[in-house]
Amino acid sequence: MFQSIEGIYKDGKIELIETPPGINTARVIVTFLSTNGSVDLPSRGINEEQAANLRARLQCFAEDWDQPEMEVYDEL
């Protein structure tokens, strides 16, 4: 069974954001994600027009999301 856990790679080490339950020792495959901030829209089943529409509808939440105290939700 495969299990995915997000982590951060820094200075040659990987820090997992959460501990995988029930795994003490396991082989792993590490995939480095793009850091350019772009999103592969077709892989998420939407096109640019739909993404723009979604972005416009969610814009009213942006001010709240950008508040420093909201960072606690980044690791969920």
Protein backbone atom coordinates (compact mmCIF):
# COMPACT_ATOMS: atom_id res chain seq x y z
CA MET A 1 0.00 0.00 0.00
CA PHE A 2 1.24 3.48 -0.87
CA GLN A 3 0.93 6.35 1.53
CA SER A 4 1.78 9.97 0.75
CA ILE A 5 3.05 12.40 3.36
CA GLU A 6 4.06 15.98 2.61
CA GLY A 7 7.44 17.20 3.75
CA ILE A 8 10.10 19.86 3.27
CA TYR A 9 13.57 19.25 1.82
CA LYS A 10 16.27 21.54 3.20
CA ASP A 11 20.05 21.21 3.50
CA GLY A 12 20.03 17.56 2.42
CA LYS A 13 17.36 16.46 4.89
CA ILE A 14 13.64 15.80 4.60
CA GLU A 15 11.33 16.87 7.41
CA LEU A 16 7.89 15.26 7.29
CA ILE A 17 4.95 17.47 8.14
CA GLU A 18 3.21 14.53 9.82
CA THR A 19 4.22 11.09 11.02
CA PRO A 20 2.79 8.23 8.96
CA PRO A 21 0.73 5.99 11.26
CA GLY A 22 1.83 2.40 11.70
CA ILE A 23 5.14 2.73 9.84
CA ASN A 24 8.42 2.31 11.71
CA THR A 25 10.71 1.42 8.79
CA ALA A 26 9.92 1.60 5.10
CA ARG A 27 11.44 2.24 1.70
CA VAL A 28 10.41 5.59 0.26
CA ILE A 29 10.29 7.41 -3.06
CA VAL A 30 10.85 11.16 -2.91
CA THR A 31 9.29 13.36 -5.59
CA PHE A 32 10.32 17.00 -5.75
CA LEU A 33 7.40 19.28 -6.57
CA SER A 34 7.69 22.36 -8.72
CA THR A 35 8.37 25.52 -6.72
CA ASN A 36 7.43 27.93 -9.49
CA GLY A 37 3.92 28.33 -8.10
CA SER A 38 2.17 27.28 -11.30
CA VAL A 39 -0.68 24.80 -11.20
CA ASP A 40 -1.28 22.12 -13.82
CA LEU A 41 -4.93 22.96 -14.45
CA PRO A 42 -5.76 20.10 -16.87
CA SER A 43 -4.57 17.55 -14.30
CA ARG A 44 -7.15 19.05 -11.93
CA GLY A 45 -9.89 18.87 -14.54
CA ILE A 46 -10.33 22.60 -15.17
CA ASN A 47 -9.29 25.07 -17.86
CA GLU A 48 -7.96 28.63 -17.58
CA GLU A 49 -11.41 30.20 -17.87
CA GLN A 50 -12.80 28.00 -15.08
CA ALA A 51 -9.77 28.74 -12.91
CA ALA A 52 -10.23 32.49 -13.42
CA ASN A 53 -13.90 32.16 -12.48
CA LEU A 54 -13.02 30.21 -9.35
CA ARG A 55 -10.32 32.72 -8.41
CA ALA A 56 -12.82 35.60 -8.81
CA ARG A 57 -15.46 33.85 -6.68
CA LEU A 58 -12.94 33.13 -3.90
CA GLN A 59 -11.36 36.60 -3.95
CA CYS A 60 -13.64 37.76 -1.14
CA PHE A 61 -11.79 35.37 1.21
CA ALA A 62 -8.27 36.55 0.26
CA GLU A 63 -7.98 39.21 2.96
CA ASP A 64 -8.81 36.65 5.67
CA TRP A 65 -6.49 34.00 4.20
CA ASP A 66 -3.60 36.45 4.13
CA GLN A 67 -3.82 37.29 7.84
CA PRO A 68 -0.72 36.09 9.81
CA GLU A 69 -2.83 34.11 12.29
CA MET A 70 -4.17 31.97 9.42
CA GLU A 71 -0.73 30.37 8.95
CA VAL A 72 -1.70 27.73 11.54
CA TYR A 73 -3.91 26.18 8.84
CA ASP A 74 -1.05 25.86 6.32
CA GLU A 75 0.11 22.55 7.77
CA LEU A 76 -3.28 20.85 7.87
